[in-house]
Amino acid sequence: MVLKSVGIGAMVLSALAVLAGCADTGSLNGAGRPAAGATATKSLYDRLGGKPAITAVVDQFVANVAADGRINSRFATTDIPKLKGHLVDQVCGATGGPCSYRGRDMKSTHLGMQISSADFGALVQDLVAALDKFNVPAGEKGELLGLLGPMKKDIVEVP
């Protein structure tokens, strides 16, 4: 699979940083609250299962985007392994993990790309599907969604 636009890859980074989850809920109970004995001070990164779990969600998310006819035509020349690495680093860092995202800022990356609200919505739906596949609790999804709100204004140019 090859993504068409490097800027769209950054759009993926933005959405993923907000919504990524994990395959291993570790210390979480099914309601997204710390299970008995879990410390309330754990970072979202730790509650999600760390880098291996984030990597699993990134892999599924990118596969979902590639299969999504609503947005996959925007993708064609992005280096997928590099994109996945950036996605993992961004989510890892955004959730309190030890990684640092060193990619470009969202506003300059998406300037002039005419990303629509519908494009952004499709991407988020693909991410939610990946999170659901790994049974990420609603509480953690909500926490990550809270990170996305401020990024959307830097990405979407077409209502």
Protein backbone atom coordinates (compact mmCIF):
# COMPACT_ATOMS: atom_id res chain seq x y z
CA MET A 1 0.00 0.00 0.00
CA VAL A 2 1.26 3.46 -0.80
CA LEU A 3 -0.24 6.72 0.45
CA LYS A 4 -0.76 9.50 -2.12
CA SER A 5 0.11 12.57 -0.09
CA VAL A 6 2.63 13.17 2.64
CA GLY A 7 0.24 15.79 4.04
CA ILE A 8 -2.50 13.20 4.33
CA GLY A 9 -0.03 11.11 6.26
CA ALA A 10 0.21 13.97 8.72
CA MET A 11 -3.60 14.09 8.87
CA VAL A 12 -3.42 10.44 9.85
CA LEU A 13 -0.86 11.33 12.50
CA SER A 14 -3.17 13.94 13.96
CA ALA A 15 -6.18 11.71 14.15
CA LEU A 16 -4.20 8.80 15.45
CA ALA A 17 -2.56 10.83 18.15
CA VAL A 18 -5.98 11.53 19.47
CA LEU A 19 -7.70 8.23 19.10
CA ALA A 20 -5.09 5.49 19.28
CA GLY A 21 -5.56 2.70 21.73
CA CYS A 22 -4.19 -0.70 22.40
CA ALA A 23 -4.61 -4.42 22.13
CA ASP A 24 -3.75 -4.99 25.78
CA THR A 25 -5.92 -3.10 28.24
CA GLY A 26 -3.64 -4.25 31.04
CA SER A 27 -4.88 -2.58 34.20
CA LEU A 28 -8.21 -1.43 32.77
CA ASN A 29 -11.57 -2.92 33.49
CA GLY A 30 -14.23 -3.09 30.76
CA ALA A 31 -15.64 0.33 31.66
CA GLY A 32 -12.39 2.16 30.95
CA ARG A 33 -11.67 2.81 34.62
CA PRO A 34 -8.61 1.60 36.48
CA ALA A 35 -9.15 -1.94 37.72
CA ALA A 36 -8.76 -2.78 41.38
CA GLY A 37 -5.16 -2.19 42.39
CA ALA A 38 -4.32 -0.01 39.39
CA THR A 39 -2.85 3.35 40.16
CA ALA A 40 -4.92 6.36 39.12
CA THR A 41 -1.72 8.22 38.26
CA LYS A 42 -0.76 5.93 35.37
CA SER A 43 -0.32 7.74 32.08
CA LEU A 44 -2.71 7.10 29.23
CA TYR A 45 0.24 5.50 27.43
CA ASP A 46 0.61 2.95 30.23
CA ARG A 47 -3.13 2.36 30.54
CA LEU A 48 -3.30 1.69 26.81
CA GLY A 49 -0.58 -0.94 26.95
CA GLY A 50 2.48 0.98 25.78
CA LYS A 51 4.28 1.00 22.47
CA PRO A 52 3.51 -2.58 21.35
CA ALA A 53 -0.22 -1.96 21.73
CA ILE A 54 -0.05 1.40 19.97
CA THR A 55 1.91 -0.21 17.13
CA ALA A 56 -0.80 -2.86 16.70
CA VAL A 57 -3.50 -0.21 16.42
CA VAL A 58 -1.42 1.85 13.98
CA ASP A 59 -0.99 -1.18 11.73
CA GLN A 60 -4.74 -1.85 11.71
CA PHE A 61 -5.59 1.81 11.25
CA VAL A 62 -3.33 2.18 8.20
CA ALA A 63 -4.88 -0.98 6.73
CA ASN A 64 -8.36 0.47 7.31
CA VAL A 65 -7.43 3.73 5.58
CA ALA A 66 -5.95 1.84 2.62
CA ALA A 67 -9.23 -0.06 2.20
CA ASP A 68 -11.44 3.04 2.57
CA GLY A 69 -12.63 4.25 -0.84
CA ARG A 70 -13.73 7.56 0.66
CA ILE A 71 -10.16 8.67 1.34
CA ASN A 72 -7.64 6.21 -0.02
CA SER A 73 -7.51 8.00 -3.38
CA ARG A 74 -5.75 10.87 -1.58
CA PHE A 75 -2.89 8.50 -0.78
CA ALA A 76 -0.25 7.28 -3.24
CA THR A 77 3.43 8.03 -2.57
CA THR A 78 3.98 8.01 1.16
CA ASP A 79 6.60 5.69 2.61
CA ILE A 80 4.35 3.45 4.73
CA PRO A 81 6.99 2.15 7.18
CA LYS A 82 8.10 5.74 7.82
CA LEU A 83 4.49 6.87 8.23
CA LYS A 84 3.79 4.10 10.72
CA GLY A 85 6.88 5.07 12.70
CA HIS A 86 5.75 8.69 12.87
CA LEU A 87 2.25 7.61 13.88
CA VAL A 88 3.53 5.43 16.70
CA ASP A 89 5.88 8.17 17.94
CA GLN A 90 3.15 10.80 17.87
CA VAL A 91 0.63 8.67 19.75
CA CYS A 92 3.26 7.46 22.19
CA GLY A 93 4.33 11.01 23.04
CA ALA A 94 0.81 12.46 23.08
CA THR A 95 -0.33 9.88 25.61
CA GLY A 96 2.58 10.39 28.01
CA GLY A 97 4.99 7.78 26.68
CA PRO A 98 8.73 8.16 26.13
CA CYS A 99 8.54 8.85 22.36
CA SER A 100 8.88 12.18 20.58
CA TYR A 101 7.11 13.10 17.35
CA ARG A 102 9.56 14.95 15.11
CA GLY A 103 7.33 15.47 12.09
CA ARG A 104 6.03 18.74 10.73
CA ASP A 105 3.32 20.78 12.46
CA MET A 106 -0.25 20.12 11.34
CA LYS A 107 -1.11 23.61 10.05
CA SER A 108 1.78 24.01 7.60
CA THR A 109 1.58 20.36 6.56
CA HIS A 110 -2.06 20.60 5.49
CA LEU A 111 -2.09 24.13 4.10
CA GLY A 112 -3.68 24.16 0.64
CA MET A 113 -4.63 20.48 0.65
CA GLN A 114 -8.35 21.22 0.78
CA ILE A 115 -8.98 18.54 3.41
CA SER A 116 -12.71 18.45 4.08
CA SER A 117 -14.64 17.70 7.22
CA ALA A 118 -15.86 14.56 5.44
CA ASP A 119 -12.25 13.45 4.77
CA PHE A 120 -11.36 14.01 8.38
CA GLY A 121 -14.50 12.22 9.56
CA ALA A 122 -13.72 9.18 7.38
CA LEU A 123 -10.23 9.00 8.83
CA VAL A 124 -11.57 9.16 12.37
CA GLN A 125 -14.08 6.40 11.58
CA ASP A 126 -11.25 4.21 10.31
CA LEU A 127 -9.34 4.83 13.49
CA VAL A 128 -12.32 4.10 15.71
CA ALA A 129 -12.76 0.80 13.86
CA ALA A 130 -9.14 -0.08 14.66
CA LEU A 131 -9.63 0.85 18.31
CA ASP A 132 -12.79 -1.22 18.47
CA LYS A 133 -10.99 -4.22 17.03
CA PHE A 134 -8.65 -4.08 20.02
CA ASN A 135 -11.45 -3.42 22.54
CA VAL A 136 -10.13 -0.05 23.72
CA PRO A 137 -12.44 1.15 26.51
CA ALA A 138 -14.69 4.16 25.97
CA GLY A 139 -12.93 6.15 28.70
CA GLU A 140 -9.58 5.99 26.94
CA LYS A 141 -11.16 6.76 23.57
CA GLY A 142 -12.78 9.83 25.10
CA GLU A 143 -9.52 10.95 26.63
CA LEU A 144 -7.82 10.71 23.25
CA LEU A 145 -10.69 12.46 21.46
CA GLY A 146 -10.11 15.40 23.78
CA LEU A 147 -6.67 15.75 22.20
CA LEU A 148 -8.09 15.82 18.66
CA GLY A 149 -10.38 18.81 18.93
CA PRO A 150 -7.66 21.45 18.76
CA MET A 151 -5.91 19.73 15.82
CA LYS A 152 -8.93 19.64 13.51
CA LYS A 153 -8.84 23.41 12.95
CA ASP A 154 -5.27 23.09 11.64
CA ILE A 155 -6.14 20.29 9.22
CA VAL A 156 -9.61 20.88 7.77
CA GLU A 157 -9.89 23.66 5.17
CA VAL A 158 -13.22 22.73 3.57
CA PRO A 159 -16.31 22.55 5.80
